[in-house]
Amino acid sequence: MPVITPDSLETIHRGSSTKTLVFLGDSITNGSVSSNFVTLLNKSLGDSFYLLNAGVDGDLVWNALQRIPSLIARNPDAFIILLGTNDVNASLSPENNMGYVLGKNLPQTPNFDWFTANYTSLLTNLKQST
């Protein structure tokens, strides 16, 4: 059973009984700076699941929100969301804030209200489109 990364989304070929689970997140989900829990889960689930690891290092909720349409187009059975750590980190200091604005091409400086609005939009979008 493969773990499908964003680079290999086109490889999803599922039978009628296969469930596709999208893990939407940042580096914690991607597993590049910590243990890859998606890979560990993959080993324990069985052949009736495809796990799509849509974690991207450093992403804030706004970045993940930009990826939602392409993920919804894959017609997954469920989304598992783990986001917000970088939103908090970005708000801890002016240096962190500017690092995220420049490094992640954000349209504004991150703050709590923007995080809340983006997370609400993400959840609303998923509820209405899936």
C-alpha atoms as a PDB file:
ATOM      1  CA  MET A   1       0.000   0.000   0.000  1.00  0.00           C
ATOM      2  CA  PRO A   2       1.696   3.227  -1.129  1.00  0.00           C
ATOM      3  CA  VAL A   3       1.977   6.515   0.702  1.00  0.00           C
ATOM      4  CA  ILE A   4       1.142   9.012  -2.027  1.00  0.00           C
ATOM      5  CA  THR A   5       2.957  12.336  -1.843  1.00  0.00           C
ATOM      6  CA  PRO A   6       1.882  15.595  -3.527  1.00  0.00           C
ATOM      7  CA  ASP A   7       4.484  14.933  -6.237  1.00  0.00           C
ATOM      8  CA  SER A   8       2.827  11.651  -7.182  1.00  0.00           C
ATOM      9  CA  LEU A   9      -0.872  12.498  -6.898  1.00  0.00           C
ATOM     10  CA  GLU A  10      -1.503  11.296 -10.435  1.00  0.00           C
ATOM     11  CA  THR A  11      -0.623   7.741  -9.364  1.00  0.00           C
ATOM     12  CA  ILE A  12      -3.846   7.283  -7.407  1.00  0.00           C
ATOM     13  CA  HIS A  13      -5.737   4.403  -8.973  1.00  0.00           C
ATOM     14  CA  ARG A  14      -8.225   3.100  -6.479  1.00  0.00           C
ATOM     15  CA  GLY A  15     -10.748   0.333  -6.646  1.00  0.00           C
ATOM     16  CA  SER A  16     -14.297   0.742  -5.463  1.00  0.00           C
ATOM     17  CA  SER A  17     -13.473  -0.536  -1.968  1.00  0.00           C
ATOM     18  CA  THR A  18     -10.267   1.496  -1.510  1.00  0.00           C
ATOM     19  CA  LYS A  19     -10.465   4.521   0.766  1.00  0.00           C
ATOM     20  CA  THR A  20      -8.266   7.558   0.125  1.00  0.00           C
ATOM     21  CA  LEU A  21      -7.226   9.545   3.184  1.00  0.00           C
ATOM     22  CA  VAL A  22      -5.585  12.964   2.742  1.00  0.00           C
ATOM     23  CA  PHE A  23      -3.258  14.088   5.519  1.00  0.00           C
ATOM     24  CA  LEU A  24      -3.111  17.889   5.179  1.00  0.00           C
ATOM     25  CA  GLY A  25      -0.437  19.629   7.174  1.00  0.00           C
ATOM     26  CA  ASP A  26       3.053  21.018   7.521  1.00  0.00           C
ATOM     27  CA  SER A  27       6.454  19.442   8.263  1.00  0.00           C
ATOM     28  CA  ILE A  28       5.019  17.406  11.153  1.00  0.00           C
ATOM     29  CA  THR A  29       2.724  15.698   8.649  1.00  0.00           C
ATOM     30  CA  ASN A  30       5.321  15.583   5.887  1.00  0.00           C
ATOM     31  CA  GLY A  31       7.658  13.769   8.262  1.00  0.00           C
ATOM     32  CA  SER A  32      10.812  15.517   7.079  1.00  0.00           C
ATOM     33  CA  VAL A  33      11.866  16.892  10.485  1.00  0.00           C
ATOM     34  CA  SER A  34      10.294  14.229  12.689  1.00  0.00           C
ATOM     35  CA  SER A  35       9.032  10.695  12.527  1.00  0.00           C
ATOM     36  CA  ASN A  36       6.715  10.247   9.561  1.00  0.00           C
ATOM     37  CA  PHE A  37       3.481   9.171  11.232  1.00  0.00           C
ATOM     38  CA  VAL A  38       1.749   8.774   7.852  1.00  0.00           C
ATOM     39  CA  THR A  39       4.262   6.100   6.861  1.00  0.00           C
ATOM     40  CA  LEU A  40       3.856   4.403  10.244  1.00  0.00           C
ATOM     41  CA  LEU A  41       0.073   4.455   9.875  1.00  0.00           C
ATOM     42  CA  ASN A  42       0.413   3.132   6.355  1.00  0.00           C
ATOM     43  CA  LYS A  43       2.095  -0.008   7.705  1.00  0.00           C
ATOM     44  CA  SER A  44      -0.772  -0.777  10.057  1.00  0.00           C
ATOM     45  CA  LEU A  45      -3.861  -0.064   7.961  1.00  0.00           C
ATOM     46  CA  GLY A  46      -4.081  -2.640   5.213  1.00  0.00           C
ATOM     47  CA  ASP A  47      -4.529  -2.661   1.481  1.00  0.00           C
ATOM     48  CA  SER A  48      -7.942  -1.024   1.438  1.00  0.00           C
ATOM     49  CA  PHE A  49      -6.446   2.461   2.030  1.00  0.00           C
ATOM     50  CA  TYR A  50      -4.351   4.939   0.069  1.00  0.00           C
ATOM     51  CA  LEU A  51      -2.696   7.540   2.256  1.00  0.00           C
ATOM     52  CA  LEU A  52      -1.990  10.841   0.561  1.00  0.00           C
ATOM     53  CA  ASN A  53       0.630  12.808   2.482  1.00  0.00           C
ATOM     54  CA  ALA A  54      -0.114  16.450   1.652  1.00  0.00           C
ATOM     55  CA  GLY A  55       2.215  17.871   4.274  1.00  0.00           C
ATOM     56  CA  VAL A  56       4.533  20.695   3.176  1.00  0.00           C
ATOM     57  CA  ASP A  57       7.368  21.978   5.340  1.00  0.00           C
ATOM     58  CA  GLY A  58       6.763  25.412   6.848  1.00  0.00           C
ATOM     59  CA  ASP A  59       3.204  25.784   5.617  1.00  0.00           C
ATOM     60  CA  LEU A  60       0.734  27.975   7.421  1.00  0.00           C
ATOM     61  CA  VAL A  61      -3.008  27.421   7.153  1.00  0.00           C
ATOM     62  CA  TRP A  62      -3.134  29.978   4.311  1.00  0.00           C
ATOM     63  CA  ASN A  63      -0.672  27.899   2.249  1.00  0.00           C
ATOM     64  CA  ALA A  64      -2.661  24.714   2.812  1.00  0.00           C
ATOM     65  CA  LEU A  65      -5.840  26.534   1.834  1.00  0.00           C
ATOM     66  CA  GLN A  66      -4.281  27.229  -1.576  1.00  0.00           C
ATOM     67  CA  ARG A  67      -3.807  23.463  -2.118  1.00  0.00           C
ATOM     68  CA  ILE A  68      -7.387  22.479  -1.212  1.00  0.00           C
ATOM     69  CA  PRO A  69      -8.906  22.585  -4.732  1.00  0.00           C
ATOM     70  CA  SER A  70      -6.349  20.155  -6.183  1.00  0.00           C
ATOM     71  CA  LEU A  71      -6.804  17.814  -3.219  1.00  0.00           C
ATOM     72  CA  ILE A  72     -10.612  17.910  -3.382  1.00  0.00           C
ATOM     73  CA  ALA A  73     -10.337  17.076  -7.090  1.00  0.00           C
ATOM     74  CA  ARG A  74      -8.853  13.710  -6.063  1.00  0.00           C
ATOM     75  CA  ASN A  75     -12.200  12.842  -4.440  1.00  0.00           C
ATOM     76  CA  PRO A  76     -10.785  11.625  -1.105  1.00  0.00           C
ATOM     77  CA  ASP A  77     -12.911   9.847   1.466  1.00  0.00           C
ATOM     78  CA  ALA A  78     -11.521  11.859   4.387  1.00  0.00           C
ATOM     79  CA  PHE A  79      -9.176  14.698   5.308  1.00  0.00           C
ATOM     80  CA  ILE A  80      -7.008  14.563   8.423  1.00  0.00           C
ATOM     81  CA  ILE A  81      -5.774  18.071   9.266  1.00  0.00           C
ATOM     82  CA  LEU A  82      -2.745  18.956  11.374  1.00  0.00           C
ATOM     83  CA  LEU A  83      -1.993  22.665  10.919  1.00  0.00           C
ATOM     84  CA  GLY A  84      -1.292  25.744  13.015  1.00  0.00           C
ATOM     85  CA  THR A  85       2.188  25.241  14.473  1.00  0.00           C
ATOM     86  CA  ASN A  86       3.819  27.535  11.916  1.00  0.00           C
ATOM     87  CA  ASP A  87       1.059  30.112  12.335  1.00  0.00           C
ATOM     88  CA  VAL A  88       1.938  30.308  16.032  1.00  0.00           C
ATOM     89  CA  ASN A  89       5.684  30.356  15.324  1.00  0.00           C
ATOM     90  CA  ALA A  90       5.255  33.162  12.786  1.00  0.00           C
ATOM     91  CA  SER A  91       3.560  35.335  15.396  1.00  0.00           C
ATOM     92  CA  LEU A  92       6.234  34.955  18.094  1.00  0.00           C
ATOM     93  CA  SER A  93       8.534  37.720  16.886  1.00  0.00           C
ATOM     94  CA  PRO A  94       8.908  40.283  14.095  1.00  0.00           C
ATOM     95  CA  GLU A  95      11.831  38.248  12.722  1.00  0.00           C
ATOM     96  CA  ASN A  96       9.758  35.060  12.546  1.00  0.00           C
ATOM     97  CA  ASN A  97       6.904  37.011  11.031  1.00  0.00           C
ATOM     98  CA  MET A  98       8.996  38.428   8.180  1.00  0.00           C
ATOM     99  CA  GLY A  99      10.710  35.080   7.627  1.00  0.00           C
ATOM    100  CA  TYR A 100       7.365  33.432   6.930  1.00  0.00           C
ATOM    101  CA  VAL A 101       6.061  36.331   4.823  1.00  0.00           C
ATOM    102  CA  LEU A 102       9.102  36.145   2.570  1.00  0.00           C
ATOM    103  CA  GLY A 103       9.751  32.401   2.719  1.00  0.00           C
ATOM    104  CA  LYS A 104       6.174  31.274   2.130  1.00  0.00           C
ATOM    105  CA  ASN A 105       5.023  34.155  -0.114  1.00  0.00           C
ATOM    106  CA  LEU A 106       2.262  35.226   2.243  1.00  0.00           C
ATOM    107  CA  PRO A 107      -0.079  38.050   1.204  1.00  0.00           C
ATOM    108  CA  GLN A 108       0.091  39.599   4.689  1.00  0.00           C
ATOM    109  CA  THR A 109       1.839  39.295   8.023  1.00  0.00           C
ATOM    110  CA  PRO A 110       0.511  36.351  10.047  1.00  0.00           C
ATOM    111  CA  ASN A 111      -1.545  37.025  13.162  1.00  0.00           C
ATOM    112  CA  PHE A 112      -4.205  35.266  15.211  1.00  0.00           C
ATOM    113  CA  ASP A 113      -7.170  36.821  13.400  1.00  0.00           C
ATOM    114  CA  TRP A 114      -5.767  35.813   9.993  1.00  0.00           C
ATOM    115  CA  PHE A 115      -5.121  32.272  11.251  1.00  0.00           C
ATOM    116  CA  THR A 116      -8.713  32.042  12.524  1.00  0.00           C
ATOM    117  CA  ALA A 117     -10.148  33.363   9.250  1.00  0.00           C
ATOM    118  CA  ASN A 118      -8.025  30.985   7.159  1.00  0.00           C
ATOM    119  CA  TYR A 119      -8.840  27.952   9.309  1.00  0.00           C
ATOM    120  CA  THR A 120     -12.552  28.777   9.178  1.00  0.00           C
ATOM    121  CA  SER A 121     -12.323  29.146   5.399  1.00  0.00           C
ATOM    122  CA  LEU A 122     -10.471  25.839   5.086  1.00  0.00           C
ATOM    123  CA  LEU A 123     -13.075  23.957   7.121  1.00  0.00           C
ATOM    124  CA  THR A 124     -15.986  25.666   5.350  1.00  0.00           C
ATOM    125  CA  ASN A 125     -14.478  24.853   1.966  1.00  0.00           C
ATOM    126  CA  LEU A 126     -14.029  21.188   2.899  1.00  0.00           C
ATOM    127  CA  LYS A 127     -17.548  20.901   4.317  1.00  0.00           C
ATOM    128  CA  GLN A 128     -19.113  22.437   1.226  1.00  0.00           C
ATOM    129  CA  SER A 129     -16.958  20.671  -1.366  1.00  0.00           C
ATOM    130  CA  THR A 130     -16.619  17.140  -0.052  1.00  0.00           C
END
